[in-house]
């Protein structure tokens, strides 16, 4: 199983002390150098930076460069940055089973390209269904408190709770 991840799930799961879920669910994650730059260099001292550095040392996350500039250019559309396009390109070039991303524009383009996408909330729902976390709602609320936009009255929040029978 090849899984490529954008920076969002790395940062958001670290913010709620659930970064380890990535290692539990996926044997190997691939990131691009741009994701490494966002999380480790630009994000120094913030959630995800130290966790990503440790995961790279433990070799369950690897950095993969994307050399196909034409593909990156094709994927760079309105609302998709070069970094986002590179992540989608990496997933396509590696025939990824799954792309981890939270950004709706990234998810939309990735699905249009035939990729299967899961985000931070999907990972947390899976962890709750597997019994790894006891309750989902407190983690979702902690995620919101960390700056993740999630409306507690909205469809995504309510659907997540229904899926784990907390509503």
Protein backbone atom coordinates (compact mmCIF):
# COMPACT_ATOMS: atom_id res chain seq x y z
CA UNK A 1 0.00 0.00 0.00
CA UNK A 2 1.47 3.32 -1.09
CA UNK A 3 0.18 6.37 0.77
CA UNK A 4 1.14 9.96 0.00
CA UNK A 5 0.33 12.73 2.46
CA UNK A 6 -0.02 16.47 2.29
CA UNK A 7 1.07 18.59 5.25
CA UNK A 8 -2.42 19.04 6.74
CA UNK A 9 -2.91 15.60 8.29
CA UNK A 10 0.66 15.62 9.64
CA UNK A 11 0.14 18.97 11.35
CA UNK A 12 -3.43 18.43 12.53
CA UNK A 13 -2.88 14.95 13.95
CA UNK A 14 0.21 16.19 15.78
CA UNK A 15 -1.81 19.11 17.18
CA UNK A 16 -4.18 16.66 18.89
CA UNK A 17 -1.46 14.20 19.94
CA UNK A 18 -2.59 11.58 17.42
CA UNK A 19 0.37 11.60 14.99
CA UNK A 20 1.11 7.99 15.95
CA UNK A 21 -2.08 6.91 14.17
CA UNK A 22 -0.29 7.42 10.87
CA UNK A 23 2.32 4.85 11.84
CA UNK A 24 -0.32 2.46 13.14
CA UNK A 25 -2.40 2.58 9.95
CA UNK A 26 0.26 2.94 7.26
CA UNK A 27 3.58 1.10 7.01
CA UNK A 28 5.13 3.80 4.86
CA UNK A 29 4.06 7.33 4.03
CA UNK A 30 5.56 9.38 1.22
CA UNK A 31 5.90 13.14 1.32
CA UNK A 32 7.35 15.61 -1.14
CA UNK A 33 10.26 17.94 -0.33
CA UNK A 34 7.72 20.80 -0.36
CA UNK A 35 5.67 19.13 2.39
CA UNK A 36 8.86 18.60 4.39
CA UNK A 37 9.66 22.31 3.93
CA UNK A 38 6.16 23.37 5.08
CA UNK A 39 6.07 21.16 8.16
CA UNK A 40 9.69 21.09 9.34
CA UNK A 41 11.32 24.31 8.14
CA UNK A 42 8.45 26.80 7.91
CA UNK A 43 6.67 25.05 10.77
CA UNK A 44 9.66 24.85 13.10
CA UNK A 45 8.48 24.80 16.69
CA UNK A 46 4.88 24.08 15.69
CA UNK A 47 2.76 20.93 15.67
CA UNK A 48 4.09 18.27 13.34
CA UNK A 49 7.65 19.50 12.96
CA UNK A 50 9.34 17.32 15.58
CA UNK A 51 6.98 14.41 14.91
CA UNK A 52 7.83 14.43 11.20
CA UNK A 53 11.56 14.62 11.88
CA UNK A 54 11.27 11.60 14.19
CA UNK A 55 9.22 9.65 11.64
CA UNK A 56 11.85 10.35 8.97
CA UNK A 57 14.57 9.07 11.30
CA UNK A 58 12.50 5.95 12.00
CA UNK A 59 12.02 5.59 8.22
CA UNK A 60 8.24 5.13 8.19
CA UNK A 61 7.94 8.41 6.33
CA UNK A 62 10.12 9.03 3.27
CA UNK A 63 10.69 12.09 1.11
CA UNK A 64 10.18 11.54 -2.62
CA UNK A 65 10.97 14.18 -5.22
CA UNK A 66 8.63 14.63 -8.19
CA UNK A 67 10.53 15.29 -11.42
CA UNK A 68 7.56 15.38 -13.82
CA UNK A 69 7.25 19.16 -14.23
CA UNK A 70 4.63 18.84 -16.99
CA UNK A 71 2.33 16.91 -14.67
CA UNK A 72 2.83 19.45 -11.89
CA UNK A 73 2.00 22.28 -14.30
CA UNK A 74 -1.13 20.47 -15.50
CA UNK A 75 -2.30 20.01 -11.90
CA UNK A 76 -1.58 23.62 -10.90
CA UNK A 77 -5.06 25.04 -11.41
CA UNK A 78 -6.90 27.82 -9.53
CA UNK A 79 -6.85 27.13 -5.75
CA UNK A 80 -4.05 24.56 -6.17
CA UNK A 81 -0.54 25.71 -5.29
CA UNK A 82 2.63 24.21 -6.77
CA UNK A 83 3.10 22.36 -3.46
CA UNK A 84 -0.42 20.92 -3.64
CA UNK A 85 0.07 19.98 -7.30
CA UNK A 86 3.34 18.24 -6.41
CA UNK A 87 1.61 16.17 -3.71
CA UNK A 88 -1.11 15.07 -6.14
CA UNK A 89 1.52 14.36 -8.80
CA UNK A 90 3.48 12.20 -6.34
CA UNK A 91 0.35 10.17 -5.59
CA UNK A 92 -0.33 9.70 -9.30
CA UNK A 93 3.25 8.81 -10.23
CA UNK A 94 3.57 6.31 -7.36
CA UNK A 95 0.12 4.83 -8.07
CA UNK A 96 -0.79 5.58 -4.48
CA UNK A 97 -3.55 3.59 -2.87
CA UNK A 98 -4.46 6.64 -0.80
CA UNK A 99 -3.77 10.37 -0.64
CA UNK A 100 -4.07 12.04 2.76
CA UNK A 101 -5.23 15.65 2.47
CA UNK A 102 -7.58 18.04 4.24
CA UNK A 103 -7.73 20.92 1.77
CA UNK A 104 -10.98 20.71 -0.20
CA UNK A 105 -9.39 21.97 -3.44
CA UNK A 106 -6.65 19.32 -3.21
CA UNK A 107 -9.21 16.63 -2.45
CA UNK A 108 -11.38 17.70 -5.40
CA UNK A 109 -8.54 17.65 -7.94
CA UNK A 110 -7.16 14.38 -6.53
CA UNK A 111 -10.54 12.66 -6.80
CA UNK A 112 -11.00 14.04 -10.30
CA UNK A 113 -7.66 12.38 -11.12
CA UNK A 114 -8.98 9.06 -9.78
CA UNK A 115 -7.23 9.06 -6.42
CA UNK A 116 -8.79 7.86 -3.18
CA UNK A 117 -8.56 10.57 -0.53
CA UNK A 118 -8.83 10.58 3.25
CA UNK A 119 -8.31 13.46 5.64
CA UNK A 120 -7.58 14.00 9.29
CA UNK A 121 -11.18 13.43 10.33
CA UNK A 122 -11.36 10.19 8.35
CA UNK A 123 -8.24 8.94 10.12
CA UNK A 124 -9.73 9.86 13.50
CA UNK A 125 -13.03 8.15 12.64
CA UNK A 126 -11.11 5.02 11.64
CA UNK A 127 -9.15 5.14 14.91
CA UNK A 128 -12.39 5.38 16.87
CA UNK A 129 -13.98 2.49 14.96
CA UNK A 130 -10.84 0.40 15.59
CA UNK A 131 -11.03 1.19 19.33
CA UNK A 132 -7.70 3.05 19.31
CA UNK A 133 -9.30 6.20 20.67
CA UNK A 134 -12.13 5.95 23.20
CA UNK A 135 -14.26 8.89 22.05
CA UNK A 136 -14.18 10.96 18.90
CA UNK A 137 -16.00 14.12 19.99
CA UNK A 138 -13.34 15.34 22.47
CA UNK A 139 -10.65 14.85 19.81
CA UNK A 140 -12.71 16.75 17.21
CA UNK A 141 -13.23 19.55 19.71
CA UNK A 142 -9.50 19.61 20.45
CA UNK A 143 -8.86 19.73 16.70
CA UNK A 144 -11.17 22.75 16.41
CA UNK A 145 -9.43 24.43 19.35
CA UNK A 146 -6.08 23.97 17.58
CA UNK A 147 -7.29 26.02 14.61
CA UNK A 148 -8.75 23.35 12.31
CA UNK A 149 -11.91 24.75 10.74
CA UNK A 150 -14.73 22.40 11.68
CA UNK A 151 -18.25 23.61 12.39
CA UNK A 152 -19.75 21.54 15.25
CA UNK A 153 -23.21 22.04 13.73
CA UNK A 154 -21.96 21.20 10.25
CA UNK A 155 -22.30 18.07 8.17
CA UNK A 156 -18.69 16.86 8.49
CA UNK A 157 -18.61 17.06 12.29
CA UNK A 158 -22.07 15.56 12.75
CA UNK A 159 -21.52 12.81 10.16
CA UNK A 160 -18.23 11.81 11.83
CA UNK A 161 -20.00 11.45 15.18
CA UNK A 162 -22.86 9.47 13.61
CA UNK A 163 -20.39 7.10 11.92
CA UNK A 164 -18.92 6.18 15.30
CA UNK A 165 -22.33 6.18 17.02
CA UNK A 166 -21.63 9.15 19.23
CA UNK A 167 -24.80 10.88 17.91
